Amino acid sequence: MIAMPSLTKNNPSAPTNGAAQGIDLPGLLDLLAHGSIRGRQDIPWGSNYTFLVQIEKAPLRALAIYKPQRGEAPLSDFRAGTLCYREYVAYLVSAALDWWLVPPTVLRDGPHGLGMAQLFVDADPNETYFDLRDDQFDEQLMRMAAFDVLTNNADRKGGHVLRDRGTNRLWAIDHGLTFHTEYKLRTVIWDFAGQPLPAGIVSDCGHLLSHLQKGEPLSAELGKLMSPGELNALRRRTEALLAHPVFPSQHPSYRNIPWPPV
């Protein structure tokens, strides 16, 4: 739906990407969280209010996606006002796994109140997951498939996988429908169903589980952002994936693919 980075320091065309290009991530997150929002453009094709904004804090500026809490459409199965929190939690989990699938994301106040601000990805808006099913992306897509299992992603559409034009790496976006306590997995990424998880993914999931234990900083932070039941469910999904390290197959009596798929 959207497209990464546009972080500049006296150079508006400088390619950037905090995790991928060695930019000071704390500085980037500080910019997203505390910079001034100078302009905004409505992105009209989503179900929730979404804006492309420019954020500035001298000498830096960046394009970002801003999704205000009060612009979230009501849903019958997700608690009202929680989608922006889920987007931020998805970023924290991606970072804890050291996968950096989700662009740098913060919670902040904005022109329409509290919301999620996420670094904009410069990608071809006409390119989707279905154009990226290529051996060169298998490792990244395997991580993404495992990430969706861990986060219980109910909405991995093809357009929620972006290829960064500057780095050729993949990014995962739109994680508002995640972390439900009930099984909600809906994704277009079923290419690896039934295959064993690579050893690196298993190892990373083990590290995540250790960070999710009570008393750990990540667990304490997530406890402020999601319900106790949702945090426990995240722990259980991580434990289950480690106990049976295989990419899941489609559920025989469930709608496994989001609609529309793109």
C-alpha atoms as a PDB file:
ATOM      1  CA  MET A   1       0.000   0.000   0.000  1.00  0.00           C
ATOM      2  CA  ILE A   2       2.707   2.411   0.851  1.00  0.00           C
ATOM      3  CA  ALA A   3       5.950   2.729  -0.161  1.00  0.00           C
ATOM      4  CA  MET A   4      10.919   3.370   2.417  1.00  0.00           C
ATOM      5  CA  PRO A   5      13.074   5.690   3.388  1.00  0.00           C
ATOM      6  CA  SER A   6      13.504   9.205   2.895  1.00  0.00           C
ATOM      7  CA  LEU A   7      15.651  10.405   5.755  1.00  0.00           C
ATOM      8  CA  THR A   8      17.840  13.379   4.937  1.00  0.00           C
ATOM      9  CA  LYS A   9      20.576  15.400   6.548  1.00  0.00           C
ATOM     10  CA  ASN A  10      21.152  18.386   4.282  1.00  0.00           C
ATOM     11  CA  ASN A  11      20.572  16.050   1.339  1.00  0.00           C
ATOM     12  CA  PRO A  12      16.956  15.386   0.378  1.00  0.00           C
ATOM     13  CA  SER A  13      17.886  12.569  -2.015  1.00  0.00           C
ATOM     14  CA  ALA A  14      20.125  10.612   0.361  1.00  0.00           C
ATOM     15  CA  PRO A  15      18.995   6.960   0.558  1.00  0.00           C
ATOM     16  CA  THR A  16      18.330   5.836   4.092  1.00  0.00           C
ATOM     17  CA  ASN A  17      17.173   2.895   6.089  1.00  0.00           C
ATOM     18  CA  GLY A  18      17.977   2.739   9.796  1.00  0.00           C
ATOM     19  CA  ALA A  19      18.532  -0.976  10.164  1.00  0.00           C
ATOM     20  CA  ALA A  20      19.856  -1.688   6.705  1.00  0.00           C
ATOM     21  CA  GLN A  21      22.273   1.160   6.110  1.00  0.00           C
ATOM     22  CA  GLY A  22      23.805   1.763   9.487  1.00  0.00           C
ATOM     23  CA  ILE A  23      21.953   4.990  10.317  1.00  0.00           C
ATOM     24  CA  ASP A  24      21.762   5.851  13.990  1.00  0.00           C
ATOM     25  CA  LEU A  25      18.541   4.038  14.910  1.00  0.00           C
ATOM     26  CA  PRO A  26      18.007   5.886  18.219  1.00  0.00           C
ATOM     27  CA  GLY A  27      18.337   9.158  16.323  1.00  0.00           C
ATOM     28  CA  LEU A  28      15.870   8.011  13.701  1.00  0.00           C
ATOM     29  CA  LEU A  29      13.347   6.895  16.315  1.00  0.00           C
ATOM     30  CA  ASP A  30      13.798  10.208  18.116  1.00  0.00           C
ATOM     31  CA  LEU A  31      13.048  12.023  14.856  1.00  0.00           C
ATOM     32  CA  LEU A  32       9.891   9.976  14.292  1.00  0.00           C
ATOM     33  CA  ALA A  33       8.743  10.408  17.884  1.00  0.00           C
ATOM     34  CA  HIS A  34       9.595  14.052  18.522  1.00  0.00           C
ATOM     35  CA  GLY A  35      10.014  15.757  15.153  1.00  0.00           C
ATOM     36  CA  SER A  36       7.516  18.309  13.919  1.00  0.00           C
ATOM     37  CA  ILE A  37       4.942  17.141  11.397  1.00  0.00           C
ATOM     38  CA  ARG A  38       5.035  19.801   8.673  1.00  0.00           C
ATOM     39  CA  GLY A  39       2.579  18.485   6.124  1.00  0.00           C
ATOM     40  CA  ARG A  40       0.267  15.600   5.454  1.00  0.00           C
ATOM     41  CA  GLN A  41      -1.415  13.908   2.539  1.00  0.00           C
ATOM     42  CA  ASP A  42      -4.367  11.581   2.916  1.00  0.00           C
ATOM     43  CA  ILE A  43      -3.883   8.015   1.631  1.00  0.00           C
ATOM     44  CA  PRO A  44      -7.503   7.213   0.830  1.00  0.00           C
ATOM     45  CA  TRP A  45      -7.586   3.521  -0.086  1.00  0.00           C
ATOM     46  CA  GLY A  46      -7.236   1.944   3.362  1.00  0.00           C
ATOM     47  CA  SER A  47     -10.028   1.077   5.787  1.00  0.00           C
ATOM     48  CA  ASN A  48      -8.456   3.313   8.461  1.00  0.00           C
ATOM     49  CA  TYR A  49      -7.402   6.946   8.188  1.00  0.00           C
ATOM     50  CA  THR A  50      -3.803   6.997   6.960  1.00  0.00           C
ATOM     51  CA  PHE A  51      -1.572   9.961   6.136  1.00  0.00           C
ATOM     52  CA  LEU A  52       1.769  10.454   4.422  1.00  0.00           C
ATOM     53  CA  VAL A  53       3.584  13.103   6.475  1.00  0.00           C
ATOM     54  CA  GLN A  54       6.930  14.851   6.579  1.00  0.00           C
ATOM     55  CA  ILE A  55       8.622  14.915   9.975  1.00  0.00           C
ATOM     56  CA  GLU A  56      11.429  17.365  10.706  1.00  0.00           C
ATOM     57  CA  LYS A  57      13.869  17.812  13.556  1.00  0.00           C
ATOM     58  CA  ALA A  58      16.944  19.745  12.459  1.00  0.00           C
ATOM     59  CA  PRO A  59      19.111  18.706  10.773  1.00  0.00           C
ATOM     60  CA  LEU A  60      16.978  15.662   9.828  1.00  0.00           C
ATOM     61  CA  ARG A  61      13.696  15.141   8.045  1.00  0.00           C
ATOM     62  CA  ALA A  62      11.838  12.035   6.939  1.00  0.00           C
ATOM     63  CA  LEU A  63       8.694  10.894   5.211  1.00  0.00           C
ATOM     64  CA  ALA A  64       6.513   8.728   7.419  1.00  0.00           C
ATOM     65  CA  ILE A  65       3.135   7.052   7.580  1.00  0.00           C
ATOM     66  CA  TYR A  66       0.887   8.381  10.356  1.00  0.00           C
ATOM     67  CA  LYS A  67      -2.187   6.393  11.428  1.00  0.00           C
ATOM     68  CA  PRO A  68      -4.161   8.158  14.177  1.00  0.00           C
ATOM     69  CA  GLN A  69      -5.946   6.084  16.785  1.00  0.00           C
ATOM     70  CA  ARG A  70      -9.193   7.969  16.371  1.00  0.00           C
ATOM     71  CA  GLY A  71      -9.195   7.185  12.641  1.00  0.00           C
ATOM     72  CA  GLU A  72      -9.344   3.424  13.230  1.00  0.00           C
ATOM     73  CA  ALA A  73     -12.478   1.772  11.874  1.00  0.00           C
ATOM     74  CA  PRO A  74     -14.375  -0.201  14.549  1.00  0.00           C
ATOM     75  CA  LEU A  75     -14.027  -3.976  14.351  1.00  0.00           C
ATOM     76  CA  SER A  76     -16.045  -6.713  15.989  1.00  0.00           C
ATOM     77  CA  ASP A  77     -13.039  -8.850  16.969  1.00  0.00           C
ATOM     78  CA  PHE A  78     -10.302  -6.342  17.875  1.00  0.00           C
ATOM     79  CA  ARG A  79     -10.602  -3.947  20.792  1.00  0.00           C
ATOM     80  CA  ALA A  80     -11.337  -0.371  19.743  1.00  0.00           C
ATOM     81  CA  GLY A  81      -8.384   2.003  19.700  1.00  0.00           C
ATOM     82  CA  THR A  82      -5.723  -0.712  19.806  1.00  0.00           C
ATOM     83  CA  LEU A  83      -4.582  -0.998  16.179  1.00  0.00           C
ATOM     84  CA  CYS A  84      -1.834   1.616  16.483  1.00  0.00           C
ATOM     85  CA  TYR A  85      -0.519  -0.188  19.559  1.00  0.00           C
ATOM     86  CA  ARG A  86      -0.455  -3.479  17.658  1.00  0.00           C
ATOM     87  CA  GLU A  87       1.544  -1.846  14.858  1.00  0.00           C
ATOM     88  CA  TYR A  88       4.105  -0.639  17.392  1.00  0.00           C
ATOM     89  CA  VAL A  89       4.277  -4.001  19.175  1.00  0.00           C
ATOM     90  CA  ALA A  90       4.898  -5.696  15.818  1.00  0.00           C
ATOM     91  CA  TYR A  91       7.912  -3.416  15.333  1.00  0.00           C
ATOM     92  CA  LEU A  92       9.229  -4.216  18.821  1.00  0.00           C
ATOM     93  CA  VAL A  93       8.887  -7.973  18.247  1.00  0.00           C
ATOM     94  CA  SER A  94      10.575  -7.733  14.847  1.00  0.00           C
ATOM     95  CA  ALA A  95      13.445  -5.824  16.444  1.00  0.00           C
ATOM     96  CA  ALA A  96      13.705  -8.291  19.345  1.00  0.00           C
ATOM     97  CA  LEU A  97      14.037 -11.127  16.821  1.00  0.00           C
ATOM     98  CA  ASP A  98      16.777  -9.069  15.102  1.00  0.00           C
ATOM     99  CA  TRP A  99      14.878  -9.524  11.833  1.00  0.00           C
ATOM    100  CA  TRP A 100      14.000  -5.841  11.278  1.00  0.00           C
ATOM    101  CA  LEU A 101      11.098  -6.725   9.012  1.00  0.00           C
ATOM    102  CA  VAL A 102       8.977  -3.781  10.166  1.00  0.00           C
ATOM    103  CA  PRO A 103      10.148  -0.259   9.327  1.00  0.00           C
ATOM    104  CA  PRO A 104      11.110   1.897  12.328  1.00  0.00           C
ATOM    105  CA  THR A 105       7.872   2.705  14.157  1.00  0.00           C
ATOM    106  CA  VAL A 106       6.856   4.810  17.154  1.00  0.00           C
ATOM    107  CA  LEU A 107       3.742   5.835  19.041  1.00  0.00           C
ATOM    108  CA  ARG A 108       3.345   9.601  19.144  1.00  0.00           C
ATOM    109  CA  ASP A 109       0.954  12.505  19.221  1.00  0.00           C
ATOM    110  CA  GLY A 110       0.126  14.030  15.850  1.00  0.00           C
ATOM    111  CA  PRO A 111      -2.302  16.359  14.080  1.00  0.00           C
ATOM    112  CA  HIS A 112      -5.175  13.983  14.847  1.00  0.00           C
ATOM    113  CA  GLY A 113      -3.993  12.834  18.263  1.00  0.00           C
ATOM    114  CA  LEU A 114      -2.216   9.680  19.372  1.00  0.00           C
ATOM    115  CA  GLY A 115      -1.188   7.391  16.567  1.00  0.00           C
ATOM    116  CA  MET A 116       1.460   5.259  14.951  1.00  0.00           C
ATOM    117  CA  ALA A 117       4.250   6.879  12.913  1.00  0.00           C
ATOM    118  CA  GLN A 118       6.331   4.597  10.692  1.00  0.00           C
ATOM    119  CA  LEU A 119       9.185   5.431   8.356  1.00  0.00           C
ATOM    120  CA  PHE A 120       7.968   5.529   4.757  1.00  0.00           C
ATOM    121  CA  VAL A 121       9.255   2.831   2.399  1.00  0.00           C
ATOM    122  CA  ASP A 122      10.199   3.868  -1.122  1.00  0.00           C
ATOM    123  CA  ALA A 123       8.766   0.944  -3.095  1.00  0.00           C
ATOM    124  CA  ASP A 124       6.986   0.365  -6.379  1.00  0.00           C
ATOM    125  CA  PRO A 125       3.280   0.671  -5.466  1.00  0.00           C
ATOM    126  CA  ASN A 126       2.362  -1.769  -8.237  1.00  0.00           C
ATOM    127  CA  GLU A 127       4.693  -4.512  -6.958  1.00  0.00           C
ATOM    128  CA  THR A 128       3.363  -7.028  -4.428  1.00  0.00           C
ATOM    129  CA  TYR A 129       4.345 -10.266  -2.769  1.00  0.00           C
ATOM    130  CA  PHE A 130       3.127 -12.124  -5.848  1.00  0.00           C
ATOM    131  CA  ASP A 131       5.860 -10.422  -7.892  1.00  0.00           C
ATOM    132  CA  LEU A 132       8.522 -11.250  -5.300  1.00  0.00           C
ATOM    133  CA  ARG A 133       8.233 -15.048  -5.060  1.00  0.00           C
ATOM    134  CA  ASP A 134      11.823 -15.519  -6.102  1.00  0.00           C
ATOM    135  CA  ASP A 135      14.682 -17.571  -4.677  1.00  0.00           C
ATOM    136  CA  GLN A 136      16.633 -14.402  -3.871  1.00  0.00           C
ATOM    137  CA  PHE A 137      13.940 -13.426  -1.337  1.00  0.00           C
ATOM    138  CA  ASP A 138      13.273 -16.854   0.190  1.00  0.00           C
ATOM    139  CA  GLU A 139      15.225 -16.196   3.388  1.00  0.00           C
ATOM    140  CA  GLN A 140      13.392 -12.916   4.024  1.00  0.00           C
ATOM    141  CA  LEU A 141      10.012 -14.394   3.135  1.00  0.00           C
ATOM    142  CA  MET A 142      10.600 -17.350   5.464  1.00  0.00           C
ATOM    143  CA  ARG A 143      11.213 -14.909   8.303  1.00  0.00           C
ATOM    144  CA  MET A 144       8.084 -13.025   7.325  1.00  0.00           C
ATOM    145  CA  ALA A 145       6.015 -16.221   7.307  1.00  0.00           C
ATOM    146  CA  ALA A 146       7.327 -17.155  10.761  1.00  0.00           C
ATOM    147  CA  PHE A 147       6.755 -13.593  11.973  1.00  0.00           C
ATOM    148  CA  ASP A 148       3.109 -13.793  10.923  1.00  0.00           C
ATOM    149  CA  VAL A 149       2.682 -17.014  12.891  1.00  0.00           C
ATOM    150  CA  LEU A 150       4.233 -15.440  15.983  1.00  0.00           C
ATOM    151  CA  THR A 151       2.184 -12.250  15.715  1.00  0.00           C
ATOM    152  CA  ASN A 152      -0.993 -14.104  14.654  1.00  0.00           C
ATOM    153  CA  ASN A 153      -1.324 -11.766  11.682  1.00  0.00           C
ATOM    154  CA  ALA A 154      -4.878 -11.718  10.348  1.00  0.00           C
ATOM    155  CA  ASP A 155      -4.089  -9.539   7.333  1.00  0.00           C
ATOM    156  CA  ARG A 156      -0.888 -10.371   5.417  1.00  0.00           C
ATOM    157  CA  LYS A 157      -2.029  -9.224   1.999  1.00  0.00           C
ATOM    158  CA  GLY A 158       0.303  -9.261  -0.995  1.00  0.00           C
ATOM    159  CA  GLY A 159       0.500  -5.474  -0.908  1.00  0.00           C
ATOM    160  CA  HIS A 160       1.801  -5.573   2.653  1.00  0.00           C
ATOM    161  CA  VAL A 161       5.172  -6.857   1.428  1.00  0.00           C
ATOM    162  CA  LEU A 162       7.339  -4.085  -0.020  1.00  0.00           C
ATOM    163  CA  ARG A 163      10.664  -4.207  -1.851  1.00  0.00           C
ATOM    164  CA  ASP A 164      12.827  -1.231  -0.958  1.00  0.00           C
ATOM    165  CA  ARG A 165      13.961   0.429  -4.178  1.00  0.00           C
ATOM    166  CA  GLY A 166      17.171   1.629  -2.547  1.00  0.00           C
ATOM    167  CA  THR A 167      18.349  -1.614  -0.940  1.00  0.00           C
ATOM    168  CA  ASN A 168      16.296  -4.377  -2.648  1.00  0.00           C
ATOM    169  CA  ARG A 169      15.359  -5.739   0.759  1.00  0.00           C
ATOM    170  CA  LEU A 170      11.819  -6.582   1.798  1.00  0.00           C
ATOM    171  CA  TRP A 171       9.726  -4.825   4.423  1.00  0.00           C
ATOM    172  CA  ALA A 172       6.510  -5.908   6.119  1.00  0.00           C
ATOM    173  CA  ILE A 173       3.842  -3.280   6.789  1.00  0.00           C
ATOM    174  CA  ASP A 174       0.262  -2.972   8.084  1.00  0.00           C
ATOM    175  CA  HIS A 175       0.210  -4.924  11.358  1.00  0.00           C
ATOM    176  CA  GLY A 176      -2.909  -3.520  12.979  1.00  0.00           C
ATOM    177  CA  LEU A 177      -4.687  -6.890  12.935  1.00  0.00           C
ATOM    178  CA  THR A 178      -2.204  -8.859  15.015  1.00  0.00           C
ATOM    179  CA  PHE A 179      -1.745 -10.385  18.485  1.00  0.00           C
ATOM    180  CA  HIS A 180      -5.321 -11.592  18.970  1.00  0.00           C
ATOM    181  CA  THR A 181      -5.702 -14.290  21.638  1.00  0.00           C
ATOM    182  CA  GLU A 182      -7.695 -16.496  19.229  1.00  0.00           C
ATOM    183  CA  TYR A 183      -6.265 -18.074  16.071  1.00  0.00           C
ATOM    184  CA  LYS A 184      -6.536 -15.440  13.324  1.00  0.00           C
ATOM    185  CA  LEU A 185      -3.719 -16.234  10.883  1.00  0.00           C
ATOM    186  CA  ARG A 186      -4.620 -15.079   7.374  1.00  0.00           C
ATOM    187  CA  THR A 187      -1.771 -14.676   4.916  1.00  0.00           C
ATOM    188  CA  VAL A 188      -0.849 -15.087   1.279  1.00  0.00           C
ATOM    189  CA  ILE A 189       2.543 -16.562   2.223  1.00  0.00           C
ATOM    190  CA  TRP A 190       1.926 -20.316   2.222  1.00  0.00           C
ATOM    191  CA  ASP A 191       4.872 -21.247  -0.022  1.00  0.00           C
ATOM    192  CA  PHE A 192       6.806 -22.876   2.824  1.00  0.00           C
ATOM    193  CA  ALA A 193       3.924 -24.806   4.427  1.00  0.00           C
ATOM    194  CA  GLY A 194       5.095 -28.105   5.887  1.00  0.00           C
ATOM    195  CA  GLN A 195       8.790 -27.262   5.573  1.00  0.00           C
ATOM    196  CA  PRO A 196      11.067 -27.288   8.644  1.00  0.00           C
ATOM    197  CA  LEU A 197      12.005 -23.873   9.972  1.00  0.00           C
ATOM    198  CA  PRO A 198      15.628 -22.984   9.203  1.00  0.00           C
ATOM    199  CA  ALA A 199      17.941 -23.309  12.193  1.00  0.00           C
ATOM    200  CA  GLY A 200      18.511 -19.546  12.303  1.00  0.00           C
ATOM    201  CA  ILE A 201      14.801 -18.827  12.648  1.00  0.00           C
ATOM    202  CA  VAL A 202      14.484 -21.415  15.420  1.00  0.00           C
ATOM    203  CA  SER A 203      17.416 -19.864  17.260  1.00  0.00           C
ATOM    204  CA  ASP A 204      15.976 -16.368  16.942  1.00  0.00           C
ATOM    205  CA  CYS A 205      12.590 -17.556  18.218  1.00  0.00           C
ATOM    206  CA  GLY A 206      14.361 -19.051  21.225  1.00  0.00           C
ATOM    207  CA  HIS A 207      15.966 -15.697  21.957  1.00  0.00           C
ATOM    208  CA  LEU A 208      12.584 -14.003  21.599  1.00  0.00           C
ATOM    209  CA  LEU A 209      11.026 -16.403  24.083  1.00  0.00           C
ATOM    210  CA  SER A 210      13.707 -15.580  26.631  1.00  0.00           C
ATOM    211  CA  HIS A 211      12.944 -11.856  26.183  1.00  0.00           C
ATOM    212  CA  LEU A 212       9.234 -12.551  26.709  1.00  0.00           C
ATOM    213  CA  GLN A 213       9.704 -14.030  30.164  1.00  0.00           C
ATOM    214  CA  LYS A 214       8.273 -12.095  33.073  1.00  0.00           C
ATOM    215  CA  GLY A 215      10.741  -9.592  34.451  1.00  0.00           C
ATOM    216  CA  GLU A 216      12.533  -9.073  31.137  1.00  0.00           C
ATOM    217  CA  PRO A 217      12.533  -5.490  29.741  1.00  0.00           C
ATOM    218  CA  LEU A 218      10.718  -6.465  26.534  1.00  0.00           C
ATOM    219  CA  SER A 219       8.032  -8.305  28.462  1.00  0.00           C
ATOM    220  CA  ALA A 220       7.563  -5.302  30.741  1.00  0.00           C
ATOM    221  CA  GLU A 221       7.290  -2.934  27.771  1.00  0.00           C
ATOM    222  CA  LEU A 222       4.809  -5.148  25.929  1.00  0.00           C
ATOM    223  CA  GLY A 223       2.775  -5.430  29.120  1.00  0.00           C
ATOM    224  CA  LYS A 224       2.065  -1.705  28.845  1.00  0.00           C
ATOM    225  CA  LEU A 225       0.901  -1.995  25.233  1.00  0.00           C
ATOM    226  CA  MET A 226      -1.214  -5.157  25.085  1.00  0.00           C
ATOM    227  CA  SER A 227      -3.514  -7.090  27.383  1.00  0.00           C
ATOM    228  CA  PRO A 228      -2.129  -9.813  29.694  1.00  0.00           C
ATOM    229  CA  GLY A 229      -4.005 -12.389  27.631  1.00  0.00           C
ATOM    230  CA  GLU A 230      -2.453 -11.147  24.392  1.00  0.00           C
ATOM    231  CA  LEU A 231       1.042 -11.224  25.877  1.00  0.00           C
ATOM    232  CA  ASN A 232       0.513 -14.754  27.205  1.00  0.00           C
ATOM    233  CA  ALA A 233      -0.796 -15.824  23.799  1.00  0.00           C
ATOM    234  CA  LEU A 234       2.355 -14.440  22.155  1.00  0.00           C
ATOM    235  CA  ARG A 235       4.453 -16.504  24.559  1.00  0.00           C
ATOM    236  CA  ARG A 236       2.376 -19.624  23.807  1.00  0.00           C
ATOM    237  CA  ARG A 237       2.687 -19.186  20.041  1.00  0.00           C
ATOM    238  CA  THR A 238       6.451 -18.795  20.367  1.00  0.00           C
ATOM    239  CA  GLU A 239       6.672 -21.904  22.550  1.00  0.00           C
ATOM    240  CA  ALA A 240       4.516 -23.859  20.091  1.00  0.00           C
ATOM    241  CA  LEU A 241       6.674 -22.888  17.112  1.00  0.00           C
ATOM    242  CA  LEU A 242       9.789 -23.962  19.004  1.00  0.00           C
ATOM    243  CA  ALA A 243       8.180 -27.253  20.060  1.00  0.00           C
ATOM    244  CA  HIS A 244       7.162 -28.001  16.451  1.00  0.00           C
ATOM    245  CA  PRO A 245       9.542 -25.989  14.235  1.00  0.00           C
ATOM    246  CA  VAL A 246       7.655 -26.388  10.974  1.00  0.00           C
ATOM    247  CA  PHE A 247       5.903 -23.790   8.834  1.00  0.00           C
ATOM    248  CA  PRO A 248       2.173 -24.372   9.377  1.00  0.00           C
ATOM    249  CA  SER A 249      -0.201 -25.553   6.670  1.00  0.00           C
ATOM    250  CA  GLN A 250      -3.573 -24.045   5.886  1.00  0.00           C
ATOM    251  CA  HIS A 251      -6.361 -24.833   8.322  1.00  0.00           C
ATOM    252  CA  PRO A 252      -8.975 -27.075   6.649  1.00  0.00           C
ATOM    253  CA  SER A 253     -11.998 -25.244   8.111  1.00  0.00           C
ATOM    254  CA  TYR A 254     -10.790 -21.655   8.197  1.00  0.00           C
ATOM    255  CA  ARG A 255     -10.452 -18.737   5.765  1.00  0.00           C
ATOM    256  CA  ASN A 256      -6.659 -18.794   5.509  1.00  0.00           C
ATOM    257  CA  ILE A 257      -6.155 -16.003   2.968  1.00  0.00           C
ATOM    258  CA  PRO A 258      -7.212 -12.370   3.547  1.00  0.00           C
ATOM    259  CA  TRP A 259      -9.629 -10.693   1.188  1.00  0.00           C
ATOM    260  CA  PRO A 260      -8.771  -9.032  -1.003  1.00  0.00           C
ATOM    261  CA  PRO A 261      -5.454 -10.912  -1.269  1.00  0.00           C
ATOM    262  CA  VAL A 262      -3.627  -7.786  -2.519  1.00  0.00           C
END
